[in-house]
Amino acid sequence: GLTTQRYQSGKVDYDGHISRRGDRHLRGLLYEAATVILTRSSADSGL
C-alpha cells in the first residue's frame, strides 16, 4: 500500500494518496526505517 492510487475516467486522470492496503504494521515499520535513513547521518548510503 505504498504506491499512489490512480483515478481515470474520460478526461479526468490523476494520482491520489497511497492506497494504504496490505500489512499496516509492516508499512509503518518501513516508514519508521525511512525516517531513520533520512534523519540520521550515521545511516549514510546511496538510498
ModelCIF file with pLDDT and N, C-alpha, C, O atoms, coordinates in Angstrom:
data_MODEL
#
_entry.id   MODEL 
#
_entity.id                         1 
_entity.type                       polymer 
_entity.pdbx_number_of_molecules   1 
#
_entity_poly.entity_id                      1 
_entity_poly.type                           'polypeptide(L)' 
_entity_poly.nstd_linkage                   no 
_entity_poly.nstd_monomer                   no 
_entity_poly.pdbx_seq_one_letter_code       GLTTQRYQSGKVDYDGHISRRGDRHLRGLLYEAATVILTRSSADSGL 
_entity_poly.pdbx_seq_one_letter_code_can   GLTTQRYQSGKVDYDGHISRRGDRHLRGLLYEAATVILTRSSADSGL 
_entity_poly.pdbx_strand_id                 A 
#
loop_
_entity_poly_seq.entity_id 
_entity_poly_seq.num 
_entity_poly_seq.mon_id 
_entity_poly_seq.hetero 
1 1  GLY n 
1 2  LEU n 
1 3  THR n 
1 4  THR n 
1 5  GLN n 
1 6  ARG n 
1 7  TYR n 
1 8  GLN n 
1 9  SER n 
1 10 GLY n 
1 11 LYS n 
1 12 VAL n 
1 13 ASP n 
1 14 TYR n 
1 15 ASP n 
1 16 GLY n 
1 17 HIS n 
1 18 ILE n 
1 19 SER n 
1 20 ARG n 
1 21 ARG n 
1 22 GLY n 
1 23 ASP n 
1 24 ARG n 
1 25 HIS n 
1 26 LEU n 
1 27 ARG n 
1 28 GLY n 
1 29 LEU n 
1 30 LEU n 
1 31 TYR n 
1 32 GLU n 
1 33 ALA n 
1 34 ALA n 
1 35 THR n 
1 36 VAL n 
1 37 ILE n 
1 38 LEU n 
1 39 THR n 
1 40 ARG n 
1 41 SER n 
1 42 SER n 
1 43 ALA n 
1 44 ASP n 
1 45 SER n 
1 46 GLY n 
1 47 LEU n 
#
_struct_asym.id          A 
_struct_asym.entity_id   1 
#
loop_
_ma_qa_metric.id 
_ma_qa_metric.mode 
_ma_qa_metric.name 
_ma_qa_metric.software_group_id 
_ma_qa_metric.type 
1 global pLDDT . pLDDT 
2 local  pLDDT . pLDDT 
#
_ma_qa_metric_global.metric_id      1 
_ma_qa_metric_global.metric_value   89.55 
_ma_qa_metric_global.model_id       1 
_ma_qa_metric_global.ordinal_id     1 
#
loop_
_ma_qa_metric_local.label_asym_id 
_ma_qa_metric_local.label_comp_id 
_ma_qa_metric_local.label_seq_id 
_ma_qa_metric_local.metric_id 
_ma_qa_metric_local.metric_value 
_ma_qa_metric_local.model_id 
_ma_qa_metric_local.ordinal_id 
A GLY 1  2 94.00 1 1  
A LEU 2  2 94.00 1 2  
A THR 3  2 92.00 1 3  
A THR 4  2 89.00 1 4  
A GLN 5  2 88.00 1 5  
A ARG 6  2 83.00 1 6  
A TYR 7  2 83.00 1 7  
A GLN 8  2 84.00 1 8  
A SER 9  2 85.00 1 9  
A GLY 10 2 86.00 1 10 
A LYS 11 2 82.00 1 11 
A VAL 12 2 84.00 1 12 
A ASP 13 2 82.00 1 13 
A TYR 14 2 81.00 1 14 
A ASP 15 2 83.00 1 15 
A GLY 16 2 83.00 1 16 
A HIS 17 2 89.00 1 17 
A ILE 18 2 90.00 1 18 
A SER 19 2 90.00 1 19 
A ARG 20 2 90.00 1 20 
A ARG 21 2 88.00 1 21 
A GLY 22 2 87.00 1 22 
A ASP 23 2 91.00 1 23 
A ARG 24 2 93.00 1 24 
A HIS 25 2 94.00 1 25 
A LEU 26 2 96.00 1 26 
A ARG 27 2 96.00 1 27 
A GLY 28 2 96.00 1 28 
A LEU 29 2 96.00 1 29 
A LEU 30 2 97.00 1 30 
A TYR 31 2 97.00 1 31 
A GLU 32 2 96.00 1 32 
A ALA 33 2 95.00 1 33 
A ALA 34 2 96.00 1 34 
A THR 35 2 96.00 1 35 
A VAL 36 2 94.00 1 36 
A ILE 37 2 94.00 1 37 
A LEU 38 2 94.00 1 38 
A THR 39 2 93.00 1 39 
A ARG 40 2 89.00 1 40 
A SER 41 2 78.00 1 41 
A SER 42 2 81.00 1 42 
A ALA 43 2 81.00 1 43 
A ASP 44 2 86.00 1 44 
A SER 45 2 90.00 1 45 
A GLY 46 2 91.00 1 46 
A LEU 47 2 92.00 1 47 
#
loop_
_atom_site.group_PDB 
_atom_site.id 
_atom_site.type_symbol 
_atom_site.label_atom_id 
_atom_site.label_alt_id 
_atom_site.label_comp_id 
_atom_site.label_asym_id 
_atom_site.label_entity_id 
_atom_site.label_seq_id 
_atom_site.pdbx_PDB_ins_code 
_atom_site.Cartn_x 
_atom_site.Cartn_y 
_atom_site.Cartn_z 
_atom_site.occupancy 
_atom_site.B_iso_or_equiv 
_atom_site.pdbx_formal_charge 
_atom_site.auth_seq_id 
_atom_site.auth_comp_id 
_atom_site.auth_asym_id 
_atom_site.auth_atom_id 
_atom_site.pdbx_PDB_model_num 
ATOM 1   N N  . GLY A 1 1  ? 0.792   -1.229 0.000   1.00 94.00 ? 1  GLY A N  1 
ATOM 2   C CA . GLY A 1 1  ? 0.000   0.000  0.000   1.00 94.00 ? 1  GLY A CA 1 
ATOM 3   C C  . GLY A 1 1  ? 0.818   1.270  0.000   1.00 94.00 ? 1  GLY A C  1 
ATOM 4   O O  . GLY A 1 1  ? 0.364   2.299  0.501   1.00 94.00 ? 1  GLY A O  1 
ATOM 5   N N  . LEU A 1 2  ? 2.035   1.216  -0.562  1.00 94.00 ? 2  LEU A N  1 
ATOM 6   C CA . LEU A 1 2  ? 2.923   2.383  -0.582  1.00 94.00 ? 2  LEU A CA 1 
ATOM 7   C C  . LEU A 1 2  ? 2.946   3.085  -1.934  1.00 94.00 ? 2  LEU A C  1 
ATOM 8   O O  . LEU A 1 2  ? 3.743   4.001  -2.135  1.00 94.00 ? 2  LEU A O  1 
ATOM 9   N N  . THR A 1 3  ? 2.090   2.675  -2.861  1.00 92.00 ? 3  THR A N  1 
ATOM 10  C CA . THR A 1 3  ? 2.015   3.326  -4.166  1.00 92.00 ? 3  THR A CA 1 
ATOM 11  C C  . THR A 1 3  ? 0.731   4.152  -4.248  1.00 92.00 ? 3  THR A C  1 
ATOM 12  O O  . THR A 1 3  ? -0.259  3.850  -3.582  1.00 92.00 ? 3  THR A O  1 
ATOM 13  N N  . THR A 1 4  ? 0.763   5.174  -5.056  1.00 89.00 ? 4  THR A N  1 
ATOM 14  C CA . THR A 1 4  ? -0.383  6.072  -5.167  1.00 89.00 ? 4  THR A CA 1 
ATOM 15  C C  . THR A 1 4  ? -1.521  5.419  -5.937  1.00 89.00 ? 4  THR A C  1 
ATOM 16  O O  . THR A 1 4  ? -1.304  4.593  -6.823  1.00 89.00 ? 4  THR A O  1 
ATOM 17  N N  . GLN A 1 5  ? -2.745  5.812  -5.575  1.00 88.00 ? 5  GLN A N  1 
ATOM 18  C CA . GLN A 1 5  ? -3.919  5.335  -6.283  1.00 88.00 ? 5  GLN A CA 1 
ATOM 19  C C  . GLN A 1 5  ? -4.176  6.225  -7.498  1.00 88.00 ? 5  GLN A C  1 
ATOM 20  O O  . GLN A 1 5  ? -3.981  7.439  -7.450  1.00 88.00 ? 5  GLN A O  1 
ATOM 21  N N  . ARG A 1 6  ? -4.616  5.596  -8.583  1.00 83.00 ? 6  ARG A N  1 
ATOM 22  C CA . ARG A 1 6  ? -4.897  6.348  -9.799  1.00 83.00 ? 6  ARG A CA 1 
ATOM 23  C C  . ARG A 1 6  ? -6.384  6.311  -10.095 1.00 83.00 ? 6  ARG A C  1 
ATOM 24  O O  . ARG A 1 6  ? -7.035  5.277  -9.948  1.00 83.00 ? 6  ARG A O  1 
ATOM 25  N N  . TYR A 1 7  ? -6.914  7.458  -10.516 1.00 83.00 ? 7  TYR A N  1 
ATOM 26  C CA . TYR A 1 7  ? -8.315  7.549  -10.930 1.00 83.00 ? 7  TYR A CA 1 
ATOM 27  C C  . TYR A 1 7  ? -8.358  8.122  -12.335 1.00 83.00 ? 7  TYR A C  1 
ATOM 28  O O  . TYR A 1 7  ? -7.871  9.227  -12.570 1.00 83.00 ? 7  TYR A O  1 
ATOM 29  N N  . GLN A 1 8  ? -8.934  7.384  -13.268 1.00 84.00 ? 8  GLN A N  1 
ATOM 30  C CA . GLN A 1 8  ? -9.037  7.828  -14.656 1.00 84.00 ? 8  GLN A CA 1 
ATOM 31  C C  . GLN A 1 8  ? -10.431 7.533  -15.172 1.00 84.00 ? 8  GLN A C  1 
ATOM 32  O O  . GLN A 1 8  ? -10.882 6.388  -15.130 1.00 84.00 ? 8  GLN A O  1 
ATOM 33  N N  . SER A 1 9  ? -11.118 8.559  -15.660 1.00 85.00 ? 9  SER A N  1 
ATOM 34  C CA . SER A 1 9  ? -12.441 8.414  -16.236 1.00 85.00 ? 9  SER A CA 1 
ATOM 35  C C  . SER A 1 9  ? -12.656 9.547  -17.227 1.00 85.00 ? 9  SER A C  1 
ATOM 36  O O  . SER A 1 9  ? -12.727 10.712 -16.836 1.00 85.00 ? 9  SER A O  1 
ATOM 37  N N  . GLY A 1 10 ? -12.757 9.213  -18.495 1.00 86.00 ? 10 GLY A N  1 
ATOM 38  C CA . GLY A 1 10 ? -12.897 10.244 -19.516 1.00 86.00 ? 10 GLY A CA 1 
ATOM 39  C C  . GLY A 1 10 ? -11.661 11.118 -19.568 1.00 86.00 ? 10 GLY A C  1 
ATOM 40  O O  . GLY A 1 10 ? -10.548 10.629 -19.760 1.00 86.00 ? 10 GLY A O  1 
ATOM 41  N N  . LYS A 1 11 ? -11.864 12.415 -19.396 1.00 82.00 ? 11 LYS A N  1 
ATOM 42  C CA . LYS A 1 11 ? -10.744 13.346 -19.437 1.00 82.00 ? 11 LYS A CA 1 
ATOM 43  C C  . LYS A 1 11 ? -10.087 13.526 -18.069 1.00 82.00 ? 11 LYS A C  1 
ATOM 44  O O  . LYS A 1 11 ? -9.070  14.209 -17.944 1.00 82.00 ? 11 LYS A O  1 
ATOM 45  N N  . VAL A 1 12 ? -10.680 12.905 -17.046 1.00 84.00 ? 12 VAL A N  1 
ATOM 46  C CA . VAL A 1 12 ? -10.125 13.021 -15.690 1.00 84.00 ? 12 VAL A CA 1 
ATOM 47  C C  . VAL A 1 12 ? -9.080  11.932 -15.473 1.00 84.00 ? 12 VAL A C  1 
ATOM 48  O O  . VAL A 1 12 ? -9.352  10.749 -15.677 1.00 84.00 ? 12 VAL A O  1 
ATOM 49  N N  . ASP A 1 13 ? -7.907  12.334 -15.068 1.00 82.00 ? 13 ASP A N  1 
ATOM 50  C CA . ASP A 1 13 ? -6.826  11.375 -14.840 1.00 82.00 ? 13 ASP A CA 1 
ATOM 51  C C  . ASP A 1 13 ? -5.857  11.976 -13.826 1.00 82.00 ? 13 ASP A C  1 
ATOM 52  O O  . ASP A 1 13 ? -5.135  12.924 -14.134 1.00 82.00 ? 13 ASP A O  1 
ATOM 53  N N  . TYR A 1 14 ? -5.846  11.421 -12.620 1.00 81.00 ? 14 TYR A N  1 
ATOM 54  C CA . TYR A 1 14 ? -4.950  11.960 -11.602 1.00 81.00 ? 14 TYR A CA 1 
ATOM 55  C C  . TYR A 1 14 ? -4.538  10.865 -10.634 1.00 81.00 ? 14 TYR A C  1 
ATOM 56  O O  . TYR A 1 14 ? -5.199  9.832  -10.525 1.00 81.00 ? 14 TYR A O  1 
ATOM 57  N N  . ASP A 1 15 ? -3.439  11.105 -9.935  1.00 83.00 ? 15 ASP A N  1 
ATOM 58  C CA . ASP A 1 15 ? -2.938  10.211 -8.890  1.00 83.00 ? 15 ASP A CA 1 
ATOM 59  C C  . ASP A 1 15 ? -3.306  10.787 -7.529  1.00 83.00 ? 15 ASP A C  1 
ATOM 60  O O  . ASP A 1 15 ? -3.160  11.987 -7.296  1.00 83.00 ? 15 ASP A O  1 
ATOM 61  N N  . GLY A 1 16 ? -3.778  9.942  -6.644  1.00 83.00 ? 16 GLY A N  1 
ATOM 62  C CA . GLY A 1 16 ? -4.173  10.381 -5.311  1.00 83.00 ? 16 GLY A CA 1 
ATOM 63  C C  . GLY A 1 16 ? -3.150  10.000 -4.261  1.00 83.00 ? 16 GLY A C  1 
ATOM 64  O O  . GLY A 1 16 ? -1.953  9.932  -4.538  1.00 83.00 ? 16 GLY A O  1 
ATOM 65  N N  . HIS A 1 17 ? -3.639  9.749  -3.040  1.00 89.00 ? 17 HIS A N  1 
ATOM 66  C CA . HIS A 1 17 ? -2.765  9.332  -1.953  1.00 89.00 ? 17 HIS A CA 1 
ATOM 67  C C  . HIS A 1 17 ? -2.382  7.861  -2.126  1.00 89.00 ? 17 HIS A C  1 
ATOM 68  O O  . HIS A 1 17 ? -2.921  7.163  -2.984  1.00 89.00 ? 17 HIS A O  1 
ATOM 69  N N  . ILE A 1 18 ? -1.450  7.410  -1.302  1.00 90.00 ? 18 ILE A N  1 
ATOM 70  C CA . ILE A 1 18 ? -1.083  5.995  -1.350  1.00 90.00 ? 18 ILE A CA 1 
ATOM 71  C C  . ILE A 1 18 ? -2.292  5.150  -0.947  1.00 90.00 ? 18 ILE A C  1 
ATOM 72  O O  . ILE A 1 18 ? -3.150  5.612  -0.195  1.00 90.00 ? 18 ILE A O  1 
ATOM 73  N N  . SER A 1 19 ? -2.359  3.936  -1.436  1.00 90.00 ? 19 SER A N  1 
ATOM 74  C CA . SER A 1 19 ? -3.536  3.096  -1.232  1.00 90.00 ? 19 SER A CA 1 
ATOM 75  C C  . SER A 1 19 ? -3.698  2.627  0.216   1.00 90.00 ? 19 SER A C  1 
ATOM 76  O O  . SER A 1 19 ? -4.821  2.398  0.667   1.00 90.00 ? 19 SER A O  1 
ATOM 77  N N  . ARG A 1 20 ? -2.596  2.483  0.944   1.00 90.00 ? 20 ARG A N  1 
ATOM 78  C CA . ARG A 1 20 ? -2.609  2.020  2.338   1.00 90.00 ? 20 ARG A CA 1 
ATOM 79  C C  . ARG A 1 20 ? -3.283  0.654  2.470   1.00 90.00 ? 20 ARG A C  1 
ATOM 80  O O  . ARG A 1 20 ? -3.950  0.388  3.470   1.00 90.00 ? 20 ARG A O  1 
ATOM 81  N N  . ARG A 1 21 ? -3.120  -0.180 1.507   1.00 88.00 ? 21 ARG A N  1 
ATOM 82  C CA . ARG A 1 21 ? -3.631  -1.542 1.585   1.00 88.00 ? 21 ARG A CA 1 
ATOM 83  C C  . ARG A 1 21 ? -2.508  -2.475 2.022   1.00 88.00 ? 21 ARG A C  1 
ATOM 84  O O  . ARG A 1 21 ? -1.329  -2.127 1.970   1.00 88.00 ? 21 ARG A O  1 
ATOM 85  N N  . GLY A 1 22 ? -2.899  -3.646 2.446   1.00 87.00 ? 22 GLY A N  1 
ATOM 86  C CA . GLY A 1 22 ? -1.893  -4.616 2.844   1.00 87.00 ? 22 GLY A CA 1 
ATOM 87  C C  . GLY A 1 22 ? -1.565  -4.521 4.327   1.00 87.00 ? 22 GLY A C  1 
ATOM 88  O O  . GLY A 1 22 ? -2.387  -4.086 5.132   1.00 87.00 ? 22 GLY A O  1 
ATOM 89  N N  . ASP A 1 23 ? -0.365  -4.930 4.670   1.00 91.00 ? 23 ASP A N  1 
ATOM 90  C CA . ASP A 1 23 ? 0.075   -5.044 6.063   1.00 91.00 ? 23 ASP A CA 1 
ATOM 91  C C  . ASP A 1 23 ? 0.354   -3.656 6.640   1.00 91.00 ? 23 ASP A C  1 
ATOM 92  O O  . ASP A 1 23 ? 1.390   -3.059 6.346   1.00 91.00 ? 23 ASP A O  1 
ATOM 93  N N  . ARG A 1 24 ? -0.563  -3.144 7.458   1.00 93.00 ? 24 ARG A N  1 
ATOM 94  C CA . ARG A 1 24 ? -0.413  -1.798 8.014   1.00 93.00 ? 24 ARG A CA 1 
ATOM 95  C C  . ARG A 1 24 ? 0.785   -1.717 8.964   1.00 93.00 ? 24 ARG A C  1 
ATOM 96  O O  . ARG A 1 24 ? 1.509   -0.721 8.966   1.00 93.00 ? 24 ARG A O  1 
ATOM 97  N N  . HIS A 1 25 ? 0.994   -2.756 9.765   1.00 94.00 ? 25 HIS A N  1 
ATOM 98  C CA . HIS A 1 25 ? 2.103   -2.738 10.724  1.00 94.00 ? 25 HIS A CA 1 
ATOM 99  C C  . HIS A 1 25 ? 3.437   -2.692 10.010  1.00 94.00 ? 25 HIS A C  1 
ATOM 100 O O  . HIS A 1 25 ? 4.308   -1.906 10.385  1.00 94.00 ? 25 HIS A O  1 
ATOM 101 N N  . LEU A 1 26 ? 3.619   -3.518 8.986   1.00 96.00 ? 26 LEU A N  1 
ATOM 102 C CA . LEU A 1 26 ? 4.876   -3.520 8.245   1.00 96.00 ? 26 LEU A CA 1 
ATOM 103 C C  . LEU A 1 26 ? 5.069   -2.209 7.496   1.00 96.00 ? 26 LEU A C  1 
ATOM 104 O O  . LEU A 1 26 ? 6.187   -1.703 7.401   1.00 96.00 ? 26 LEU A O  1 
ATOM 105 N N  . ARG A 1 27 ? 3.984   -1.660 6.967   1.00 96.00 ? 27 ARG A N  1 
ATOM 106 C CA . ARG A 1 27 ? 4.078   -0.374 6.274   1.00 96.00 ? 27 ARG A CA 1 
ATOM 107 C C  . ARG A 1 27 ? 4.571   0.712  7.228   1.00 96.00 ? 27 ARG A C  1 
ATOM 108 O O  . ARG A 1 27 ? 5.392   1.551  6.857   1.00 96.00 ? 27 ARG A O  1 
ATOM 109 N N  . GLY A 1 28 ? 4.064   0.689  8.458   1.00 96.00 ? 28 GLY A N  1 
ATOM 110 C CA . GLY A 1 28 ? 4.516   1.652  9.449   1.00 96.00 ? 28 GLY A CA 1 
ATOM 111 C C  . GLY A 1 28 ? 5.979   1.463  9.819   1.00 96.00 ? 28 GLY A C  1 
ATOM 112 O O  . GLY A 1 28 ? 6.706   2.439  10.005  1.00 96.00 ? 28 GLY A O  1 
ATOM 113 N N  . LEU A 1 29 ? 6.410   0.217  9.924   1.00 96.00 ? 29 LEU A N  1 
ATOM 114 C CA . LEU A 1 29 ? 7.817   -0.058 10.245  1.00 96.00 ? 29 LEU A CA 1 
ATOM 115 C C  . LEU A 1 29 ? 8.740   0.428  9.135   1.00 96.00 ? 29 LEU A C  1 
ATOM 116 O O  . LEU A 1 29 ? 9.807   0.975  9.412   1.00 96.00 ? 29 LEU A O  1 
ATOM 117 N N  . LEU A 1 30 ? 8.340   0.234  7.893   1.00 97.00 ? 30 LEU A N  1 
ATOM 118 C CA . LEU A 1 30 ? 9.158   0.706  6.771   1.00 97.00 ? 30 LEU A CA 1 
ATOM 119 C C  . LEU A 1 30 ? 9.223   2.228  6.752   1.00 97.00 ? 30 LEU A C  1 
ATOM 120 O O  . LEU A 1 30 ? 10.257  2.802  6.410   1.00 97.00 ? 30 LEU A O  1 
ATOM 121 N N  . TYR A 1 31 ? 8.130   2.881  7.115   1.00 97.00 ? 31 TYR A N  1 
ATOM 122 C CA . TYR A 1 31 ? 8.136   4.345  7.181   1.00 97.00 ? 31 TYR A CA 1 
ATOM 123 C C  . TYR A 1 31 ? 9.079   4.822  8.285   1.00 97.00 ? 31 TYR A C  1 
ATOM 124 O O  . TYR A 1 31 ? 9.808   5.798  8.107   1.00 97.00 ? 31 TYR A O  1 
ATOM 125 N N  . GLU A 1 32 ? 9.063   4.125  9.433   1.00 96.00 ? 32 GLU A N  1 
ATOM 126 C CA . GLU A 1 32 ? 9.984   4.476  10.517  1.00 96.00 ? 32 GLU A CA 1 
ATOM 127 C C  . GLU A 1 32 ? 11.432  4.284  10.077  1.00 96.00 ? 32 GLU A C  1 
ATOM 128 O O  . GLU A 1 32 ? 12.289  5.117  10.372  1.00 96.00 ? 32 GLU A O  1 
ATOM 129 N N  . ALA A 1 33 ? 11.704  3.187  9.372   1.00 95.00 ? 33 ALA A N  1 
ATOM 130 C CA . ALA A 1 33 ? 13.061  2.944  8.880   1.00 95.00 ? 33 ALA A CA 1 
ATOM 131 C C  . ALA A 1 33 ? 13.475  4.028  7.891   1.00 95.00 ? 33 ALA A C  1 
ATOM 132 O O  . ALA A 1 33 ? 14.620  4.479  7.905   1.00 95.00 ? 33 ALA A O  1 
ATOM 133 N N  . ALA A 1 34 ? 12.551  4.443  7.038   1.00 96.00 ? 34 ALA A N  1 
ATOM 134 C CA . ALA A 1 34 ? 12.842  5.510  6.082   1.00 96.00 ? 34 ALA A CA 1 
ATOM 135 C C  . ALA A 1 34 ? 13.139  6.821  6.803   1.00 96.00 ? 34 ALA A C  1 
ATOM 136 O O  . ALA A 1 34 ? 14.012  7.584  6.388   1.00 96.00 ? 34 ALA A O  1 
ATOM 137 N N  . THR A 1 35 ? 12.399  7.076  7.893   1.00 96.00 ? 35 THR A N  1 
ATOM 138 C CA . THR A 1 35 ? 12.642  8.288  8.685   1.00 96.00 ? 35 THR A CA 1 
ATOM 139 C C  . THR A 1 35 ? 14.038  8.274  9.291   1.00 96.00 ? 35 THR A C  1 
ATOM 140 O O  . THR A 1 35 ? 14.723  9.296  9.321   1.00 96.00 ? 35 THR A O  1 
ATOM 141 N N  . VAL A 1 36 ? 14.453  7.100  9.775   1.00 94.00 ? 36 VAL A N  1 
ATOM 142 C CA . VAL A 1 36 ? 15.808  6.972  10.331  1.00 94.00 ? 36 VAL A CA 1 
ATOM 143 C C  . VAL A 1 36 ? 16.849  7.233  9.247   1.00 94.00 ? 36 VAL A C  1 
ATOM 144 O O  . VAL A 1 36 ? 17.842  7.920  9.487   1.00 94.00 ? 36 VAL A O  1 
ATOM 145 N N  . ILE A 1 37 ? 16.626  6.690  8.071   1.00 94.00 ? 37 ILE A N  1 
ATOM 146 C CA . ILE A 1 37 ? 17.569  6.867  6.967   1.00 94.00 ? 37 ILE A CA 1 
ATOM 147 C C  . ILE A 1 37 ? 17.711  8.344  6.607   1.00 94.00 ? 37 ILE A C  1 
ATOM 148 O O  . ILE A 1 37 ? 18.809  8.809  6.300   1.00 94.00 ? 37 ILE A O  1 
ATOM 149 N N  . LEU A 1 38 ? 16.602  9.078  6.646   1.00 94.00 ? 38 LEU A N  1 
ATOM 150 C CA . LEU A 1 38 ? 16.631  10.484 6.242   1.00 94.00 ? 38 LEU A CA 1 
ATOM 151 C C  . LEU A 1 38 ? 17.141  11.418 7.328   1.00 94.00 ? 38 LEU A C  1 
ATOM 152 O O  . LEU A 1 38 ? 17.611  12.513 7.019   1.00 94.00 ? 38 LEU A O  1 
ATOM 153 N N  . THR A 1 39 ? 17.062  11.018 8.588   1.00 93.00 ? 39 THR A N  1 
ATOM 154 C CA . THR A 1 39 ? 17.362  11.950 9.683   1.00 93.00 ? 39 THR A CA 1 
ATOM 155 C C  . THR A 1 39 ? 18.673  11.665 10.404  1.00 93.00 ? 39 THR A C  1 
ATOM 156 O O  . THR A 1 39 ? 19.174  12.534 11.116  1.00 93.00 ? 39 THR A O  1 
ATOM 157 N N  . ARG A 1 40 ? 19.237  10.484 10.243  1.00 89.00 ? 40 ARG A N  1 
ATOM 158 C CA . ARG A 1 40 ? 20.470  10.153 10.955  1.00 89.00 ? 40 ARG A CA 1 
ATOM 159 C C  . ARG A 1 40 ? 21.645  10.121 9.993   1.00 89.00 ? 40 ARG A C  1 
ATOM 160 O O  . ARG A 1 40 ? 21.641  9.391  9.001   1.00 89.00 ? 40 ARG A O  1 
ATOM 161 N N  . SER A 1 41 ? 22.641  10.919 10.302  1.00 78.00 ? 41 SER A N  1 
ATOM 162 C CA . SER A 1 41 ? 23.816  10.992 9.426   1.00 78.00 ? 41 SER A CA 1 
ATOM 163 C C  . SER A 1 41 ? 24.593  9.688  9.406   1.00 78.00 ? 41 SER A C  1 
ATOM 164 O O  . SER A 1 41 ? 25.297  9.403  8.437   1.00 78.00 ? 41 SER A O  1 
ATOM 165 N N  . SER A 1 42 ? 24.472  8.877  10.480  1.00 81.00 ? 42 SER A N  1 
ATOM 166 C CA . SER A 1 42 ? 25.195  7.600  10.531  1.00 81.00 ? 42 SER A CA 1 
ATOM 167 C C  . SER A 1 42 ? 24.615  6.585  9.555   1.00 81.00 ? 42 SER A C  1 
ATOM 168 O O  . SER A 1 42 ? 25.232  5.552  9.296   1.00 81.00 ? 42 SER A O  1 
ATOM 169 N N  . ALA A 1 43 ? 23.424  6.874  9.008   1.00 81.00 ? 43 ALA A N  1 
ATOM 170 C CA . ALA A 1 43 ? 22.776  5.965  8.060   1.00 81.00 ? 43 ALA A CA 1 
ATOM 171 C C  . ALA A 1 43 ? 23.113  6.343  6.627   1.00 81.00 ? 43 ALA A C  1 
ATOM 172 O O  . ALA A 1 43 ? 22.293  6.158  5.728   1.00 81.00 ? 43 ALA A O  1 
ATOM 173 N N  . ASP A 1 44 ? 24.301  6.866  6.407   1.00 86.00 ? 44 ASP A N  1 
ATOM 174 C CA . ASP A 1 44 ? 24.701  7.350  5.080   1.00 86.00 ? 44 ASP A CA 1 
ATOM 175 C C  . ASP A 1 44 ? 24.729  6.212  4.060   1.00 86.00 ? 44 ASP A C  1 
ATOM 176 O O  . ASP A 1 44 ? 25.305  5.153  4.309   1.00 86.00 ? 44 ASP A O  1 
ATOM 177 N N  . SER A 1 45 ? 24.104  6.447  2.922   1.00 90.00 ? 45 SER A N  1 
ATOM 178 C CA . SER A 1 45 ? 24.059  5.466  1.846   1.00 90.00 ? 45 SER A CA 1 
ATOM 179 C C  . SER A 1 45 ? 23.545  6.152  0.596   1.00 90.00 ? 45 SER A C  1 
ATOM 180 O O  . SER A 1 45 ? 23.110  7.303  0.636   1.00 90.00 ? 45 SER A O  1 
ATOM 181 N N  . GLY A 1 46 ? 23.602  5.426  -0.528  1.00 91.00 ? 46 GLY A N  1 
ATOM 182 C CA . GLY A 1 46 ? 23.054  5.971  -1.762  1.00 91.00 ? 46 GLY A CA 1 
ATOM 183 C C  . GLY A 1 46 ? 21.557  6.200  -1.654  1.00 91.00 ? 46 GLY A C  1 
ATOM 184 O O  . GLY A 1 46 ? 21.024  7.150  -2.227  1.00 91.00 ? 46 GLY A O  1 
ATOM 185 N N  . LEU A 1 47 ? 20.877  5.323  -0.913  1.00 92.00 ? 47 LEU A N  1 
ATOM 186 C CA . LEU A 1 47 ? 19.442  5.469  -0.710  1.00 92.00 ? 47 LEU A CA 1 
ATOM 187 C C  . LEU A 1 47 ? 19.137  6.747  0.061   1.00 92.00 ? 47 LEU A C  1 
ATOM 188 O O  . LEU A 1 47 ? 17.973  7.043  0.329   1.00 92.00 ? 47 LEU A O  1 
#
